[in-house]
Amino acid sequence: MPAKVGVVKVITLSSSSIFNIGDVYHMAPKAWAKTFAGGGSFNTGTGIKIDINRSNTYVNDSEVVDQSSINNA
């Protein structure tokens, strides 16, 4: 069933975002990332107290390709 949409104002889209209005069968973003973070990272909220005297993040990533993006059309 077709969608009826009124006025849409898009201010900004990031490079890995998807914007869709209406019917869609398949959506596939074409961006990926790998993130390494040490202790106390990615904390959100108010009144958070983190006491880490020393934090080291050692990464030994022997994989050349983690996940193929060939079929990500």
N, C-alpha and C. Protein backbone atom coordinates (compact mmCIF):
# COMPACT_ATOMS: atom_id res chain seq x y z
N MET A 1 0.85 -1.17 0.00
CA MET A 1 0.00 0.00 0.00
C MET A 1 0.90 1.24 0.00
N PRO A 2 0.70 2.13 -0.92
CA PRO A 2 1.52 3.34 -0.99
C PRO A 2 1.31 4.23 0.23
N ALA A 3 2.37 4.89 0.62
CA ALA A 3 2.32 5.80 1.76
C ALA A 3 2.02 7.21 1.28
N LYS A 4 1.21 7.93 2.05
CA LYS A 4 0.95 9.34 1.78
C LYS A 4 1.74 10.16 2.78
N VAL A 5 2.63 11.00 2.27
CA VAL A 5 3.53 11.77 3.12
C VAL A 5 3.36 13.24 2.78
N GLY A 6 3.34 14.07 3.82
CA GLY A 6 3.26 15.50 3.61
C GLY A 6 4.64 16.10 3.39
N VAL A 7 4.82 17.31 3.84
CA VAL A 7 6.07 18.03 3.66
C VAL A 7 7.13 17.43 4.59
N VAL A 8 8.31 17.22 4.05
CA VAL A 8 9.44 16.71 4.82
C VAL A 8 10.60 17.66 4.64
N LYS A 9 11.22 18.06 5.76
CA LYS A 9 12.39 18.92 5.70
C LYS A 9 13.57 18.18 6.31
N VAL A 10 14.56 17.89 5.52
CA VAL A 10 15.76 17.20 5.97
C VAL A 10 16.86 18.23 6.13
N ILE A 11 17.36 18.35 7.33
CA ILE A 11 18.43 19.32 7.61
C ILE A 11 19.79 18.73 7.23
N THR A 12 20.08 17.54 7.70
CA THR A 12 21.39 16.94 7.42
C THR A 12 21.29 15.43 7.48
N LEU A 13 22.14 14.78 6.74
CA LEU A 13 22.28 13.33 6.76
C LEU A 13 23.77 13.02 6.83
N SER A 14 24.13 12.05 7.64
CA SER A 14 25.53 11.65 7.69
C SER A 14 25.85 10.76 6.51
N SER A 15 27.12 10.48 6.32
CA SER A 15 27.53 9.72 5.14
C SER A 15 27.08 8.27 5.19
N SER A 16 26.78 7.73 6.37
CA SER A 16 26.37 6.34 6.46
C SER A 16 24.90 6.18 6.83
N SER A 17 24.11 7.22 6.65
CA SER A 17 22.70 7.15 7.04
C SER A 17 21.82 6.75 5.86
N ILE A 18 20.60 6.33 6.18
CA ILE A 18 19.62 5.97 5.17
C ILE A 18 18.38 6.82 5.41
N PHE A 19 17.87 7.43 4.36
CA PHE A 19 16.66 8.24 4.44
C PHE A 19 15.63 7.64 3.50
N ASN A 20 14.47 7.32 4.02
CA ASN A 20 13.44 6.67 3.22
C ASN A 20 12.10 7.31 3.48
N ILE A 21 11.35 7.54 2.41
CA ILE A 21 9.95 7.96 2.51
C ILE A 21 9.15 7.02 1.64
N GLY A 22 8.19 6.33 2.24
CA GLY A 22 7.35 5.44 1.46
C GLY A 22 7.72 3.99 1.66
N ASP A 23 7.28 3.17 0.72
CA ASP A 23 7.49 1.73 0.81
C ASP A 23 8.90 1.37 0.37
N VAL A 24 9.44 0.35 1.02
CA VAL A 24 10.79 -0.10 0.67
C VAL A 24 10.87 -1.61 0.92
N TYR A 25 11.60 -2.30 0.07
CA TYR A 25 11.77 -3.74 0.24
C TYR A 25 13.04 -4.04 1.01
N HIS A 26 14.14 -3.39 0.67
CA HIS A 26 15.43 -3.70 1.29
C HIS A 26 16.26 -2.43 1.39
N MET A 27 16.83 -2.20 2.56
CA MET A 27 17.71 -1.05 2.76
C MET A 27 19.03 -1.57 3.32
N ALA A 28 20.14 -1.12 2.77
CA ALA A 28 21.45 -1.58 3.22
C ALA A 28 22.44 -0.42 3.21
N PRO A 29 22.83 0.05 4.38
CA PRO A 29 23.86 1.10 4.42
C PRO A 29 25.21 0.55 3.96
N LYS A 30 26.04 1.42 3.43
CA LYS A 30 27.32 0.99 2.88
C LYS A 30 28.49 1.53 3.69
N ALA A 31 28.40 1.44 5.00
CA ALA A 31 29.49 1.89 5.85
C ALA A 31 29.62 0.93 7.03
N TRP A 32 30.83 0.78 7.52
CA TRP A 32 31.06 -0.07 8.67
C TRP A 32 32.27 0.47 9.41
N ALA A 33 32.38 0.10 10.67
CA ALA A 33 33.46 0.61 11.51
C ALA A 33 33.81 -0.40 12.59
N LYS A 34 35.00 -0.32 13.07
CA LYS A 34 35.45 -1.13 14.20
C LYS A 34 35.98 -0.16 15.25
N THR A 35 35.52 -0.31 16.47
CA THR A 35 35.88 0.63 17.52
C THR A 35 36.54 -0.10 18.67
N PHE A 36 37.65 0.41 19.12
CA PHE A 36 38.31 -0.10 20.30
C PHE A 36 38.32 1.02 21.34
N ALA A 37 37.98 0.69 22.57
CA ALA A 37 37.92 1.72 23.61
C ALA A 37 38.40 1.13 24.93
N GLY A 38 38.99 1.96 25.73
CA GLY A 38 39.50 1.52 27.02
C GLY A 38 38.45 1.62 28.12
N GLY A 39 38.89 1.36 29.33
CA GLY A 39 37.99 1.42 30.48
C GLY A 39 37.43 2.81 30.68
N GLY A 40 36.15 2.89 31.02
CA GLY A 40 35.51 4.16 31.25
C GLY A 40 34.99 4.83 29.99
N SER A 41 35.05 4.15 28.87
CA SER A 41 34.58 4.74 27.62
C SER A 41 33.09 4.52 27.44
N PHE A 42 32.47 5.35 26.63
CA PHE A 42 31.07 5.25 26.24
C PHE A 42 30.11 5.35 27.43
N ASN A 43 30.45 6.10 28.45
CA ASN A 43 29.55 6.31 29.58
C ASN A 43 28.65 7.50 29.29
N THR A 44 27.37 7.35 29.58
CA THR A 44 26.43 8.46 29.41
C THR A 44 25.64 8.63 30.69
N GLY A 45 25.15 9.82 30.91
CA GLY A 45 24.35 10.10 32.08
C GLY A 45 24.88 11.28 32.85
N THR A 46 24.23 11.57 33.96
CA THR A 46 24.66 12.68 34.80
C THR A 46 25.21 12.13 36.11
N GLY A 47 26.19 12.79 36.63
CA GLY A 47 26.76 12.39 37.93
C GLY A 47 27.60 11.14 37.88
N ILE A 48 28.20 10.83 36.74
CA ILE A 48 29.04 9.63 36.63
C ILE A 48 30.43 9.96 37.12
N LYS A 49 30.95 9.10 37.98
CA LYS A 49 32.32 9.26 38.48
C LYS A 49 33.12 8.03 38.07
N ILE A 50 34.14 8.25 37.29
CA ILE A 50 35.00 7.18 36.82
C ILE A 50 36.37 7.39 37.45
N ASP A 51 36.87 6.37 38.13
CA ASP A 51 38.19 6.46 38.76
C ASP A 51 39.07 5.34 38.21
N ILE A 52 39.77 5.65 37.14
CA ILE A 52 40.68 4.69 36.53
C ILE A 52 42.06 5.34 36.55
N ASN A 53 42.94 4.79 37.35
CA ASN A 53 44.27 5.37 37.45
C ASN A 53 45.06 5.20 36.16
N ARG A 54 44.94 4.02 35.57
CA ARG A 54 45.70 3.75 34.36
C ARG A 54 44.88 2.81 33.48
N SER A 55 44.68 3.19 32.25
CA SER A 55 43.89 2.38 31.34
C SER A 55 44.61 2.27 30.01
N ASN A 56 44.90 1.05 29.62
CA ASN A 56 45.53 0.78 28.34
C ASN A 56 44.65 -0.16 27.54
N THR A 57 44.53 0.09 26.26
CA THR A 57 43.78 -0.79 25.39
C THR A 57 44.75 -1.37 24.38
N TYR A 58 44.98 -2.67 24.50
CA TYR A 58 45.87 -3.36 23.57
C TYR A 58 45.02 -4.14 22.58
N VAL A 59 45.29 -3.96 21.31
CA VAL A 59 44.50 -4.61 20.27
C VAL A 59 45.43 -5.45 19.41
N ASN A 60 45.11 -6.73 19.32
CA ASN A 60 45.82 -7.63 18.43
C ASN A 60 44.79 -8.21 17.48
N ASP A 61 44.58 -7.54 16.37
CA ASP A 61 43.56 -7.95 15.41
C ASP A 61 44.26 -8.59 14.22
N SER A 62 44.28 -9.92 14.21
CA SER A 62 45.00 -10.62 13.15
C SER A 62 44.15 -10.83 11.90
N GLU A 63 42.85 -10.54 11.98
CA GLU A 63 41.99 -10.72 10.81
C GLU A 63 42.20 -9.57 9.84
N VAL A 64 42.37 -9.91 8.58
CA VAL A 64 42.54 -8.87 7.57
C VAL A 64 41.18 -8.28 7.20
N VAL A 65 40.17 -9.14 7.03
CA VAL A 65 38.82 -8.72 6.71
C VAL A 65 37.89 -9.35 7.74
N ASP A 66 37.12 -8.52 8.46
CA ASP A 66 36.21 -9.04 9.46
C ASP A 66 34.93 -9.55 8.85
N GLN A 67 34.34 -8.78 7.96
CA GLN A 67 33.11 -9.18 7.30
C GLN A 67 33.11 -8.63 5.89
N SER A 68 32.79 -9.46 4.95
CA SER A 68 32.79 -9.04 3.56
C SER A 68 31.62 -8.09 3.29
N SER A 69 31.87 -7.11 2.45
CA SER A 69 30.82 -6.18 2.05
C SER A 69 30.47 -6.32 0.58
N ILE A 70 30.76 -7.47 0.01
CA ILE A 70 30.53 -7.69 -1.42
C ILE A 70 29.05 -7.65 -1.75
N ASN A 71 28.21 -8.29 -0.94
CA ASN A 71 26.77 -8.35 -1.21
C ASN A 71 26.01 -7.14 -0.68
N ASN A 72 26.70 -6.15 -0.18
CA ASN A 72 26.05 -4.96 0.34
C ASN A 72 25.83 -3.99 -0.82
N ALA A 73 24.80 -4.26 -1.59
CA ALA A 73 24.56 -3.49 -2.82
C ALA A 73 23.96 -2.14 -2.56
